[in-house]
Amino acid sequence: MFVCSRDIQCIKNRFSAGYVSLQDQNKIWTLTVSPELRDKTPLVMVHGFGGGIGLWIQNIDRLSSRRTLHAFDLLGFGRSSRPTFPSDPEAAEDQFVSSIEQWREEMGIKDMILLGHSLGGFLAASYSIKYPQRVKHLILVDPWGFPTLPTDPNEMRSPPAWVKAIAAVLGRSNPLAVVRAAGPWGPRLVQRFRPDLKRKFEEFFEDDTIMEYIYHCNAQTPSGESAFKTMMERFGWAKRPMLLRFNLIPKTLPITFIYGAETWIDRNTGEKAKQLRPDSYVHTLAIKGASHHVYADQPGIFNEVVEEICDAVD
């Protein structure tokens, strides 16, 4: 499988990368940065749909300057194992959450600051419902799958053009089937659907490195992708909306929502979460000049915000 070695070469802080074997025999590709900074709660970062640890390249050094940082490829994505997920949405979600907990046990992490983006935010929230004692602060970055599907079409936020294009091409196929079908032309297809992604990382890569990385993250067996399809109602909504069970997270666990001010995700979710947790810390903020990929659109501001949250923990 393609390894985006140039991503790792860009990291300045001390790091290690390798597989963590789980009890169920699956393996999770893991990056650990600044392992020597053990006096503070580690930050664990969970990527979104179709991504991998390489997409955090603009955030890793800054966010690991004062504490250990762990980032991993979700089960079924990137370089991690690609098992068959259940066809039931609740069971598929549980398998993701179980893999995160097994990973935590194998890593020997007592507790953590848990940050998840998009699908990773959905799974981080689900993990926090089941294992709240392991999370000191939950950071949800443009989280997917929180609101219920509106019955009134006028209430739906319009998804970006690339989402509409993929939906039109694919029909009932897995979301990224067209990328795999393109074979060696896959990176060009990624570029066609998402020309914005190359611009987001141009400070690090002037060539097509990031496009090739995203392609190879999704060119393998569509394991996590199939699980995502099982869990989604439409591309923007979940069959089991997180807001309907968000109150199951203990009120003692502080939560921060970080949105891009121009995101296609419903930003009202954060405010609704506040209403569901009136006696708990729930903070919502939007970063100007950023869309769904907040961490890449405005990495400097994003890093500053997350670092401030982390410093408030310890």
C-alpha atoms as a PDB file:
ATOM      1  CA  MET A   1       0.000   0.000   0.000  1.00  0.00           C
ATOM      2  CA  PHE A   2       1.119   3.569  -0.724  1.00  0.00           C
ATOM      3  CA  VAL A   3       2.847   5.216   2.241  1.00  0.00           C
ATOM      4  CA  CYS A   4       2.861   8.989   2.379  1.00  0.00           C
ATOM      5  CA  SER A   5       6.428   9.113   3.726  1.00  0.00           C
ATOM      6  CA  ARG A   6       6.736  12.788   2.881  1.00  0.00           C
ATOM      7  CA  ASP A   7       4.010  13.498   5.431  1.00  0.00           C
ATOM      8  CA  ILE A   8       6.050  11.831   8.167  1.00  0.00           C
ATOM      9  CA  GLN A   9       9.259  13.489   7.030  1.00  0.00           C
ATOM     10  CA  CYS A  10       7.603  16.860   7.642  1.00  0.00           C
ATOM     11  CA  ILE A  11       7.192  16.151  11.363  1.00  0.00           C
ATOM     12  CA  LYS A  12       9.843  17.929  13.407  1.00  0.00           C
ATOM     13  CA  ASN A  13       9.056  16.564  16.862  1.00  0.00           C
ATOM     14  CA  ARG A  14      10.125  13.114  17.995  1.00  0.00           C
ATOM     15  CA  PHE A  15       7.736  10.456  16.695  1.00  0.00           C
ATOM     16  CA  SER A  16       7.156   6.795  15.976  1.00  0.00           C
ATOM     17  CA  ALA A  17       4.724   5.091  13.597  1.00  0.00           C
ATOM     18  CA  GLY A  18       3.606   1.484  13.355  1.00  0.00           C
ATOM     19  CA  TYR A  19       0.836  -1.031  13.808  1.00  0.00           C
ATOM     20  CA  VAL A  20      -0.941  -1.681  17.085  1.00  0.00           C
ATOM     21  CA  SER A  21      -2.393  -5.197  17.191  1.00  0.00           C
ATOM     22  CA  LEU A  22      -5.834  -5.498  18.782  1.00  0.00           C
ATOM     23  CA  GLN A  23      -7.311  -8.373  20.762  1.00  0.00           C
ATOM     24  CA  ASP A  24      -9.524  -9.274  17.803  1.00  0.00           C
ATOM     25  CA  GLN A  25      -6.451  -9.623  15.550  1.00  0.00           C
ATOM     26  CA  ASN A  26      -7.086  -6.394  13.636  1.00  0.00           C
ATOM     27  CA  LYS A  27      -4.310  -3.826  13.374  1.00  0.00           C
ATOM     28  CA  ILE A  28      -4.486  -0.068  13.752  1.00  0.00           C
ATOM     29  CA  TRP A  29      -1.875   2.113  12.036  1.00  0.00           C
ATOM     30  CA  THR A  30      -0.736   4.599  14.679  1.00  0.00           C
ATOM     31  CA  LEU A  31       1.408   7.720  14.880  1.00  0.00           C
ATOM     32  CA  THR A  32       2.734   8.835  18.277  1.00  0.00           C
ATOM     33  CA  VAL A  33       4.449  12.214  18.554  1.00  0.00           C
ATOM     34  CA  SER A  34       6.410  13.619  21.524  1.00  0.00           C
ATOM     35  CA  PRO A  35       6.159  10.407  23.584  1.00  0.00           C
ATOM     36  CA  GLU A  36       8.511  11.903  26.180  1.00  0.00           C
ATOM     37  CA  LEU A  37       5.910  14.468  27.309  1.00  0.00           C
ATOM     38  CA  ARG A  38       4.098  12.107  29.671  1.00  0.00           C
ATOM     39  CA  ASP A  39       3.255  14.580  32.431  1.00  0.00           C
ATOM     40  CA  LYS A  40       0.148  15.846  30.613  1.00  0.00           C
ATOM     41  CA  THR A  41      -2.997  14.187  29.286  1.00  0.00           C
ATOM     42  CA  PRO A  42      -2.342  12.967  25.726  1.00  0.00           C
ATOM     43  CA  LEU A  43      -4.320  14.268  22.764  1.00  0.00           C
ATOM     44  CA  VAL A  44      -5.879  11.577  20.552  1.00  0.00           C
ATOM     45  CA  MET A  45      -7.008  12.641  17.065  1.00  0.00           C
ATOM     46  CA  VAL A  46      -9.577  10.717  15.011  1.00  0.00           C
ATOM     47  CA  HIS A  47      -9.860  11.545  11.299  1.00  0.00           C
ATOM     48  CA  GLY A  48     -13.021  11.715   9.203  1.00  0.00           C
ATOM     49  CA  PHE A  49     -14.490   9.683   6.344  1.00  0.00           C
ATOM     50  CA  GLY A  50     -12.051   8.749   3.597  1.00  0.00           C
ATOM     51  CA  GLY A  51      -9.088  10.213   5.462  1.00  0.00           C
ATOM     52  CA  GLY A  52      -6.076   9.111   7.478  1.00  0.00           C
ATOM     53  CA  ILE A  53      -3.415  10.424   9.831  1.00  0.00           C
ATOM     54  CA  GLY A  54      -1.623  12.195   6.966  1.00  0.00           C
ATOM     55  CA  LEU A  55      -4.325  14.861   6.817  1.00  0.00           C
ATOM     56  CA  TRP A  56      -3.253  16.158  10.255  1.00  0.00           C
ATOM     57  CA  ILE A  57       0.189  17.131   8.942  1.00  0.00           C
ATOM     58  CA  GLN A  58      -0.407  20.874   9.469  1.00  0.00           C
ATOM     59  CA  ASN A  59      -1.461  20.321  13.083  1.00  0.00           C
ATOM     60  CA  ILE A  60       0.792  17.608  14.474  1.00  0.00           C
ATOM     61  CA  ASP A  61       3.911  19.557  15.478  1.00  0.00           C
ATOM     62  CA  ARG A  62       2.061  22.444  17.126  1.00  0.00           C
ATOM     63  CA  LEU A  63      -0.358  20.226  19.019  1.00  0.00           C
ATOM     64  CA  SER A  64       2.424  17.908  20.216  1.00  0.00           C
ATOM     65  CA  SER A  65       4.688  20.700  21.460  1.00  0.00           C
ATOM     66  CA  ARG A  66       3.413  20.441  25.059  1.00  0.00           C
ATOM     67  CA  ARG A  67       1.963  16.925  25.285  1.00  0.00           C
ATOM     68  CA  THR A  68       2.025  13.530  23.617  1.00  0.00           C
ATOM     69  CA  LEU A  69      -0.165  13.278  20.544  1.00  0.00           C
ATOM     70  CA  HIS A  70      -1.595  10.069  19.086  1.00  0.00           C
ATOM     71  CA  ALA A  71      -3.307   9.830  15.704  1.00  0.00           C
ATOM     72  CA  PHE A  72      -4.479   6.616  14.088  1.00  0.00           C
ATOM     73  CA  ASP A  73      -6.198   5.365  10.957  1.00  0.00           C
ATOM     74  CA  LEU A  74      -9.705   4.245  11.865  1.00  0.00           C
ATOM     75  CA  LEU A  75     -10.476   0.568  11.433  1.00  0.00           C
ATOM     76  CA  GLY A  76     -11.398   0.061   7.782  1.00  0.00           C
ATOM     77  CA  PHE A  77      -9.547   3.167   6.582  1.00  0.00           C
ATOM     78  CA  GLY A  78      -6.018   4.177   5.607  1.00  0.00           C
ATOM     79  CA  ARG A  79      -3.412   1.568   6.527  1.00  0.00           C
ATOM     80  CA  SER A  80      -5.462  -0.093   9.266  1.00  0.00           C
ATOM     81  CA  SER A  81      -7.075  -3.524   8.903  1.00  0.00           C
ATOM     82  CA  ARG A  82     -10.155  -3.727   6.709  1.00  0.00           C
ATOM     83  CA  PRO A  83     -12.491  -6.275   8.260  1.00  0.00           C
ATOM     84  CA  THR A  84     -16.071  -6.968   7.269  1.00  0.00           C
ATOM     85  CA  PHE A  85     -18.438  -4.781   9.284  1.00  0.00           C
ATOM     86  CA  PRO A  86     -21.980  -5.808  10.294  1.00  0.00           C
ATOM     87  CA  SER A  87     -24.819  -4.680   8.027  1.00  0.00           C
ATOM     88  CA  ASP A  88     -26.700  -3.282  11.035  1.00  0.00           C
ATOM     89  CA  PRO A  89     -25.897   0.421  11.713  1.00  0.00           C
ATOM     90  CA  GLU A  90     -25.735   0.035  15.492  1.00  0.00           C
ATOM     91  CA  ALA A  91     -23.490  -3.014  15.262  1.00  0.00           C
ATOM     92  CA  ALA A  92     -21.208  -1.291  12.725  1.00  0.00           C
ATOM     93  CA  GLU A  93     -20.876   1.720  15.020  1.00  0.00           C
ATOM     94  CA  ASP A  94     -20.142  -0.568  17.975  1.00  0.00           C
ATOM     95  CA  GLN A  95     -17.338  -2.266  16.042  1.00  0.00           C
ATOM     96  CA  PHE A  96     -15.686   1.098  15.392  1.00  0.00           C
ATOM     97  CA  VAL A  97     -16.015   2.061  19.072  1.00  0.00           C
ATOM     98  CA  SER A  98     -14.745  -1.322  20.255  1.00  0.00           C
ATOM     99  CA  SER A  99     -11.662  -0.975  18.054  1.00  0.00           C
ATOM    100  CA  ILE A 100     -10.886   2.429  19.587  1.00  0.00           C
ATOM    101  CA  GLU A 101     -11.179   1.002  23.105  1.00  0.00           C
ATOM    102  CA  GLN A 102      -9.018  -2.010  22.237  1.00  0.00           C
ATOM    103  CA  TRP A 103      -6.464   0.380  20.756  1.00  0.00           C
ATOM    104  CA  ARG A 104      -6.488   2.479  23.940  1.00  0.00           C
ATOM    105  CA  GLU A 105      -5.911  -0.604  26.087  1.00  0.00           C
ATOM    106  CA  GLU A 106      -3.022  -1.786  23.928  1.00  0.00           C
ATOM    107  CA  MET A 107      -1.481   1.700  24.016  1.00  0.00           C
ATOM    108  CA  GLY A 108      -1.737   1.858  27.799  1.00  0.00           C
ATOM    109  CA  ILE A 109      -3.519   5.222  27.748  1.00  0.00           C
ATOM    110  CA  LYS A 110      -5.335   5.854  31.043  1.00  0.00           C
ATOM    111  CA  ASP A 111      -7.355   8.831  29.801  1.00  0.00           C
ATOM    112  CA  MET A 112      -7.180  11.348  26.977  1.00  0.00           C
ATOM    113  CA  ILE A 113      -8.359  14.512  25.325  1.00  0.00           C
ATOM    114  CA  LEU A 114     -10.350  13.038  22.444  1.00  0.00           C
ATOM    115  CA  LEU A 115     -10.682  15.022  19.203  1.00  0.00           C
ATOM    116  CA  GLY A 116     -12.695  13.763  16.250  1.00  0.00           C
ATOM    117  CA  HIS A 117     -13.412  15.318  12.864  1.00  0.00           C
ATOM    118  CA  SER A 118     -16.568  14.586  10.823  1.00  0.00           C
ATOM    119  CA  LEU A 119     -17.184  10.806  11.032  1.00  0.00           C
ATOM    120  CA  GLY A 120     -14.400  10.763  13.612  1.00  0.00           C
ATOM    121  CA  GLY A 121     -16.435  13.231  15.687  1.00  0.00           C
ATOM    122  CA  PHE A 122     -19.476  10.979  15.521  1.00  0.00           C
ATOM    123  CA  LEU A 123     -17.414   8.001  16.677  1.00  0.00           C
ATOM    124  CA  ALA A 124     -15.623  10.038  19.365  1.00  0.00           C
ATOM    125  CA  ALA A 125     -19.020  11.007  20.798  1.00  0.00           C
ATOM    126  CA  SER A 126     -20.195   7.387  20.643  1.00  0.00           C
ATOM    127  CA  TYR A 127     -16.999   6.304  22.411  1.00  0.00           C
ATOM    128  CA  SER A 128     -17.574   8.950  25.099  1.00  0.00           C
ATOM    129  CA  ILE A 129     -21.052   7.568  25.770  1.00  0.00           C
ATOM    130  CA  LYS A 130     -19.656   4.099  26.391  1.00  0.00           C
ATOM    131  CA  TYR A 131     -16.316   4.969  27.993  1.00  0.00           C
ATOM    132  CA  PRO A 132     -16.708   8.455  29.517  1.00  0.00           C
ATOM    133  CA  GLN A 133     -14.156   7.739  32.244  1.00  0.00           C
ATOM    134  CA  ARG A 134     -11.466   7.620  29.559  1.00  0.00           C
ATOM    135  CA  VAL A 135     -12.168  11.101  28.183  1.00  0.00           C
ATOM    136  CA  LYS A 136     -11.173  14.328  29.946  1.00  0.00           C
ATOM    137  CA  HIS A 137     -12.417  16.675  27.215  1.00  0.00           C
ATOM    138  CA  LEU A 138     -14.298  15.858  24.028  1.00  0.00           C
ATOM    139  CA  ILE A 139     -13.493  18.062  21.022  1.00  0.00           C
ATOM    140  CA  LEU A 140     -15.891  17.664  18.089  1.00  0.00           C
ATOM    141  CA  VAL A 141     -14.664  19.227  14.867  1.00  0.00           C
ATOM    142  CA  ASP A 142     -17.433  19.720  12.290  1.00  0.00           C
ATOM    143  CA  PRO A 143     -18.991  16.437  13.460  1.00  0.00           C
ATOM    144  CA  TRP A 144     -21.055  14.357  11.057  1.00  0.00           C
ATOM    145  CA  GLY A 145     -24.254  12.517  11.926  1.00  0.00           C
ATOM    146  CA  PHE A 146     -25.623  14.573  14.828  1.00  0.00           C
ATOM    147  CA  PRO A 147     -28.970  16.081  13.681  1.00  0.00           C
ATOM    148  CA  THR A 148     -31.991  14.119  12.538  1.00  0.00           C
ATOM    149  CA  LEU A 149     -32.881  14.174   8.840  1.00  0.00           C
ATOM    150  CA  PRO A 150     -35.270  17.129   8.326  1.00  0.00           C
ATOM    151  CA  THR A 151     -38.745  16.291   7.052  1.00  0.00           C
ATOM    152  CA  ASP A 152     -38.917  19.675   5.343  1.00  0.00           C
ATOM    153  CA  PRO A 153     -36.489  19.821   2.375  1.00  0.00           C
ATOM    154  CA  ASN A 154     -36.172  23.594   2.898  1.00  0.00           C
ATOM    155  CA  GLU A 155     -34.478  22.925   6.236  1.00  0.00           C
ATOM    156  CA  MET A 156     -31.679  20.901   4.660  1.00  0.00           C
ATOM    157  CA  ARG A 157     -28.333  22.592   4.179  1.00  0.00           C
ATOM    158  CA  SER A 158     -27.136  22.203   0.608  1.00  0.00           C
ATOM    159  CA  PRO A 159     -24.064  19.933   0.414  1.00  0.00           C
ATOM    160  CA  PRO A 160     -21.027  21.043  -1.619  1.00  0.00           C
ATOM    161  CA  ALA A 161     -20.843  20.349  -5.336  1.00  0.00           C
ATOM    162  CA  TRP A 162     -18.452  17.406  -4.929  1.00  0.00           C
ATOM    163  CA  VAL A 163     -20.941  15.586  -2.679  1.00  0.00           C
ATOM    164  CA  LYS A 164     -23.728  16.113  -5.233  1.00  0.00           C
ATOM    165  CA  ALA A 165     -21.446  14.947  -8.041  1.00  0.00           C
ATOM    166  CA  ILE A 166     -20.471  11.741  -6.259  1.00  0.00           C
ATOM    167  CA  ALA A 167     -24.107  11.037  -5.350  1.00  0.00           C
ATOM    168  CA  ALA A 168     -25.156  11.520  -8.981  1.00  0.00           C
ATOM    169  CA  VAL A 169     -22.454   9.176 -10.284  1.00  0.00           C
ATOM    170  CA  LEU A 170     -22.731   6.452  -7.693  1.00  0.00           C
ATOM    171  CA  GLY A 171     -26.384   5.860  -7.030  1.00  0.00           C
ATOM    172  CA  ARG A 172     -26.427   2.989  -4.554  1.00  0.00           C
ATOM    173  CA  SER A 173     -22.736   2.136  -4.737  1.00  0.00           C
ATOM    174  CA  ASN A 174     -20.277   2.732  -1.927  1.00  0.00           C
ATOM    175  CA  PRO A 175     -19.459   6.463  -1.668  1.00  0.00           C
ATOM    176  CA  LEU A 176     -15.958   6.188  -3.184  1.00  0.00           C
ATOM    177  CA  ALA A 177     -16.471   3.293  -5.603  1.00  0.00           C
ATOM    178  CA  VAL A 178     -15.836   5.549  -8.598  1.00  0.00           C
ATOM    179  CA  VAL A 179     -12.351   6.381  -7.253  1.00  0.00           C
ATOM    180  CA  ARG A 180     -11.371   2.706  -7.127  1.00  0.00           C
ATOM    181  CA  ALA A 181     -12.911   2.047 -10.534  1.00  0.00           C
ATOM    182  CA  ALA A 182     -10.677   4.746 -12.016  1.00  0.00           C
ATOM    183  CA  GLY A 183      -7.558   2.678 -11.304  1.00  0.00           C
ATOM    184  CA  PRO A 184      -4.335   4.602 -12.102  1.00  0.00           C
ATOM    185  CA  TRP A 185      -6.418   7.659 -12.963  1.00  0.00           C
ATOM    186  CA  GLY A 186      -7.729   7.719  -9.390  1.00  0.00           C
ATOM    187  CA  PRO A 187      -5.547  10.610  -8.150  1.00  0.00           C
ATOM    188  CA  ARG A 188      -6.702  12.732 -11.107  1.00  0.00           C
ATOM    189  CA  LEU A 189     -10.294  11.907 -10.262  1.00  0.00           C
ATOM    190  CA  VAL A 190      -9.729  12.962  -6.653  1.00  0.00           C
ATOM    191  CA  GLN A 191      -8.261  16.189  -8.017  1.00  0.00           C
ATOM    192  CA  ARG A 192     -11.337  16.673 -10.195  1.00  0.00           C
ATOM    193  CA  PHE A 193     -13.829  16.139  -7.375  1.00  0.00           C
ATOM    194  CA  ARG A 194     -11.787  17.918  -4.694  1.00  0.00           C
ATOM    195  CA  PRO A 195      -9.458  20.547  -6.230  1.00  0.00           C
ATOM    196  CA  ASP A 196      -9.682  22.433  -2.939  1.00  0.00           C
ATOM    197  CA  LEU A 197      -7.763  19.741  -1.047  1.00  0.00           C
ATOM    198  CA  LYS A 198      -4.542  20.351  -2.950  1.00  0.00           C
ATOM    199  CA  ARG A 199      -4.773  24.059  -2.142  1.00  0.00           C
ATOM    200  CA  LYS A 200      -5.256  23.330   1.555  1.00  0.00           C
ATOM    201  CA  PHE A 201      -1.890  21.573   1.755  1.00  0.00           C
ATOM    202  CA  GLU A 202       0.136  23.591  -0.760  1.00  0.00           C
ATOM    203  CA  GLU A 203       2.347  25.013   1.993  1.00  0.00           C
ATOM    204  CA  PHE A 204       3.704  21.496   2.540  1.00  0.00           C
ATOM    205  CA  PHE A 205       3.321  19.911  -0.880  1.00  0.00           C
ATOM    206  CA  GLU A 206       3.571  21.705  -4.219  1.00  0.00           C
ATOM    207  CA  ASP A 207       2.974  18.504  -6.208  1.00  0.00           C
ATOM    208  CA  ASP A 208       0.165  15.900  -6.104  1.00  0.00           C
ATOM    209  CA  THR A 209       1.409  14.149  -2.952  1.00  0.00           C
ATOM    210  CA  ILE A 210      -1.713  14.845  -0.916  1.00  0.00           C
ATOM    211  CA  MET A 211      -4.028  13.811  -3.765  1.00  0.00           C
ATOM    212  CA  GLU A 212      -2.132  10.535  -4.177  1.00  0.00           C
ATOM    213  CA  TYR A 213      -2.293   9.978  -0.431  1.00  0.00           C
ATOM    214  CA  ILE A 214      -6.072  10.423  -0.358  1.00  0.00           C
ATOM    215  CA  TYR A 215      -6.463   8.157  -3.385  1.00  0.00           C
ATOM    216  CA  HIS A 216      -4.390   5.361  -1.861  1.00  0.00           C
ATOM    217  CA  CYS A 217      -6.215   5.708   1.454  1.00  0.00           C
ATOM    218  CA  ASN A 218      -9.392   4.822  -0.439  1.00  0.00           C
ATOM    219  CA  ALA A 219      -8.154   2.495  -3.173  1.00  0.00           C
ATOM    220  CA  GLN A 220      -8.171  -0.561  -0.922  1.00  0.00           C
ATOM    221  CA  THR A 221     -11.065  -2.821   0.102  1.00  0.00           C
ATOM    222  CA  PRO A 222     -13.973  -0.470   1.018  1.00  0.00           C
ATOM    223  CA  SER A 223     -14.343  -1.802   4.558  1.00  0.00           C
ATOM    224  CA  GLY A 224     -14.872   1.332   6.652  1.00  0.00           C
ATOM    225  CA  GLU A 225     -16.542   2.933   3.664  1.00  0.00           C
ATOM    226  CA  SER A 226     -19.149   0.153   3.559  1.00  0.00           C
ATOM    227  CA  ALA A 227     -19.687   0.584   7.304  1.00  0.00           C
ATOM    228  CA  PHE A 228     -20.218   4.307   6.783  1.00  0.00           C
ATOM    229  CA  LYS A 229     -22.783   3.575   4.099  1.00  0.00           C
ATOM    230  CA  THR A 230     -24.552   1.232   6.518  1.00  0.00           C
ATOM    231  CA  MET A 231     -24.632   3.970   9.156  1.00  0.00           C
ATOM    232  CA  MET A 232     -25.772   6.847   6.953  1.00  0.00           C
ATOM    233  CA  GLU A 233     -29.319   7.849   6.018  1.00  0.00           C
ATOM    234  CA  ARG A 234     -27.990  10.081   3.281  1.00  0.00           C
ATOM    235  CA  PHE A 235     -24.456  11.348   2.926  1.00  0.00           C
ATOM    236  CA  GLY A 236     -25.050  14.120   5.457  1.00  0.00           C
ATOM    237  CA  TRP A 237     -27.161  12.283   8.034  1.00  0.00           C
ATOM    238  CA  ALA A 238     -26.898   9.209  10.228  1.00  0.00           C
ATOM    239  CA  LYS A 239     -29.500   6.496  10.690  1.00  0.00           C
ATOM    240  CA  ARG A 240     -28.820   6.796  14.417  1.00  0.00           C
ATOM    241  CA  PRO A 241     -28.450  10.570  14.943  1.00  0.00           C
ATOM    242  CA  MET A 242     -26.072  11.376  17.776  1.00  0.00           C
ATOM    243  CA  LEU A 243     -28.160  14.211  19.206  1.00  0.00           C
ATOM    244  CA  LEU A 244     -30.888  11.728  20.147  1.00  0.00           C
ATOM    245  CA  ARG A 245     -28.517  10.097  22.648  1.00  0.00           C
ATOM    246  CA  PHE A 246     -26.094  12.907  23.398  1.00  0.00           C
ATOM    247  CA  ASN A 247     -27.557  13.241  26.891  1.00  0.00           C
ATOM    248  CA  LEU A 248     -26.029   9.838  27.711  1.00  0.00           C
ATOM    249  CA  ILE A 249     -22.606  11.481  27.952  1.00  0.00           C
ATOM    250  CA  PRO A 250     -22.114  12.348  31.655  1.00  0.00           C
ATOM    251  CA  LYS A 251     -22.584  16.032  32.437  1.00  0.00           C
ATOM    252  CA  THR A 252     -19.160  16.133  34.079  1.00  0.00           C
ATOM    253  CA  LEU A 253     -17.451  15.617  30.719  1.00  0.00           C
ATOM    254  CA  PRO A 254     -16.694  18.990  29.053  1.00  0.00           C
ATOM    255  CA  ILE A 255     -17.361  19.264  25.317  1.00  0.00           C
ATOM    256  CA  THR A 256     -16.247  21.763  22.684  1.00  0.00           C
ATOM    257  CA  PHE A 257     -17.663  21.993  19.165  1.00  0.00           C
ATOM    258  CA  ILE A 258     -15.399  23.568  16.530  1.00  0.00           C
ATOM    259  CA  TYR A 259     -16.991  24.420  13.185  1.00  0.00           C
ATOM    260  CA  GLY A 260     -15.863  26.046  10.005  1.00  0.00           C
ATOM    261  CA  ALA A 261     -17.912  29.213   9.555  1.00  0.00           C
ATOM    262  CA  GLU A 262     -18.559  28.203   5.923  1.00  0.00           C
ATOM    263  CA  THR A 263     -19.177  24.505   6.538  1.00  0.00           C
ATOM    264  CA  TRP A 264     -21.978  22.488   4.935  1.00  0.00           C
ATOM    265  CA  ILE A 265     -22.483  20.672   8.244  1.00  0.00           C
ATOM    266  CA  ASP A 266     -25.374  21.996  10.377  1.00  0.00           C
ATOM    267  CA  ARG A 267     -23.736  24.337  12.914  1.00  0.00           C
ATOM    268  CA  ASN A 268     -26.930  24.496  14.989  1.00  0.00           C
ATOM    269  CA  THR A 269     -25.958  21.111  16.388  1.00  0.00           C
ATOM    270  CA  GLY A 270     -23.649  22.680  18.955  1.00  0.00           C
ATOM    271  CA  GLU A 271     -26.372  24.988  20.253  1.00  0.00           C
ATOM    272  CA  LYS A 272     -28.842  22.101  20.446  1.00  0.00           C
ATOM    273  CA  ALA A 273     -26.277  20.122  22.410  1.00  0.00           C
ATOM    274  CA  LYS A 274     -26.063  23.003  24.901  1.00  0.00           C
ATOM    275  CA  GLN A 275     -29.808  22.824  25.408  1.00  0.00           C
ATOM    276  CA  LEU A 276     -29.599  19.086  26.019  1.00  0.00           C
ATOM    277  CA  ARG A 277     -26.886  19.614  28.630  1.00  0.00           C
ATOM    278  CA  PRO A 278     -27.921  22.749  30.586  1.00  0.00           C
ATOM    279  CA  ASP A 279     -25.763  21.952  33.621  1.00  0.00           C
ATOM    280  CA  SER A 280     -22.667  20.915  31.694  1.00  0.00           C
ATOM    281  CA  TYR A 281     -19.801  22.652  29.910  1.00  0.00           C
ATOM    282  CA  VAL A 282     -20.609  22.816  26.203  1.00  0.00           C
ATOM    283  CA  HIS A 283     -18.785  25.443  24.153  1.00  0.00           C
ATOM    284  CA  THR A 284     -19.324  26.124  20.461  1.00  0.00           C
ATOM    285  CA  LEU A 285     -17.192  28.227  18.150  1.00  0.00           C
ATOM    286  CA  ALA A 286     -16.849  28.811  14.423  1.00  0.00           C
ATOM    287  CA  ILE A 287     -13.575  29.607  12.672  1.00  0.00           C
ATOM    288  CA  LYS A 288     -13.851  32.216   9.947  1.00  0.00           C
ATOM    289  CA  GLY A 289     -12.481  31.373   6.532  1.00  0.00           C
ATOM    290  CA  ALA A 290     -12.895  27.648   7.115  1.00  0.00           C
ATOM    291  CA  SER A 291     -15.246  25.057   5.687  1.00  0.00           C
ATOM    292  CA  HIS A 292     -15.634  21.389   6.653  1.00  0.00           C
ATOM    293  CA  HIS A 293     -11.893  20.662   6.835  1.00  0.00           C
ATOM    294  CA  VAL A 294     -11.319  23.309   9.503  1.00  0.00           C
ATOM    295  CA  TYR A 295      -7.924  21.950  10.535  1.00  0.00           C
ATOM    296  CA  ALA A 296      -6.583  22.383   6.977  1.00  0.00           C
ATOM    297  CA  ASP A 297      -8.483  25.540   5.958  1.00  0.00           C
ATOM    298  CA  GLN A 298      -7.221  27.583   8.910  1.00  0.00           C
ATOM    299  CA  PRO A 299      -4.552  25.419  10.574  1.00  0.00           C
ATOM    300  CA  GLY A 300      -2.965  28.250  12.554  1.00  0.00           C
ATOM    301  CA  ILE A 301      -6.206  29.330  14.214  1.00  0.00           C
ATOM    302  CA  PHE A 302      -7.358  25.740  14.643  1.00  0.00           C
ATOM    303  CA  ASN A 303      -4.102  24.748  16.349  1.00  0.00           C
ATOM    304  CA  GLU A 304      -4.286  27.740  18.662  1.00  0.00           C
ATOM    305  CA  VAL A 305      -7.871  26.941  19.671  1.00  0.00           C
ATOM    306  CA  VAL A 306      -7.184  23.247  20.299  1.00  0.00           C
ATOM    307  CA  GLU A 307      -3.989  23.985  22.209  1.00  0.00           C
ATOM    308  CA  GLU A 308      -5.880  26.391  24.461  1.00  0.00           C
ATOM    309  CA  ILE A 309      -8.496  23.712  25.167  1.00  0.00           C
ATOM    310  CA  CYS A 310      -5.801  21.175  25.960  1.00  0.00           C
ATOM    311  CA  ASP A 311      -3.921  23.568  28.255  1.00  0.00           C
ATOM    312  CA  ALA A 312      -7.116  24.113  30.223  1.00  0.00           C
ATOM    313  CA  VAL A 313      -7.268  20.375  30.932  1.00  0.00           C
ATOM    314  CA  ASP A 314      -3.775  20.313  32.478  1.00  0.00           C
END
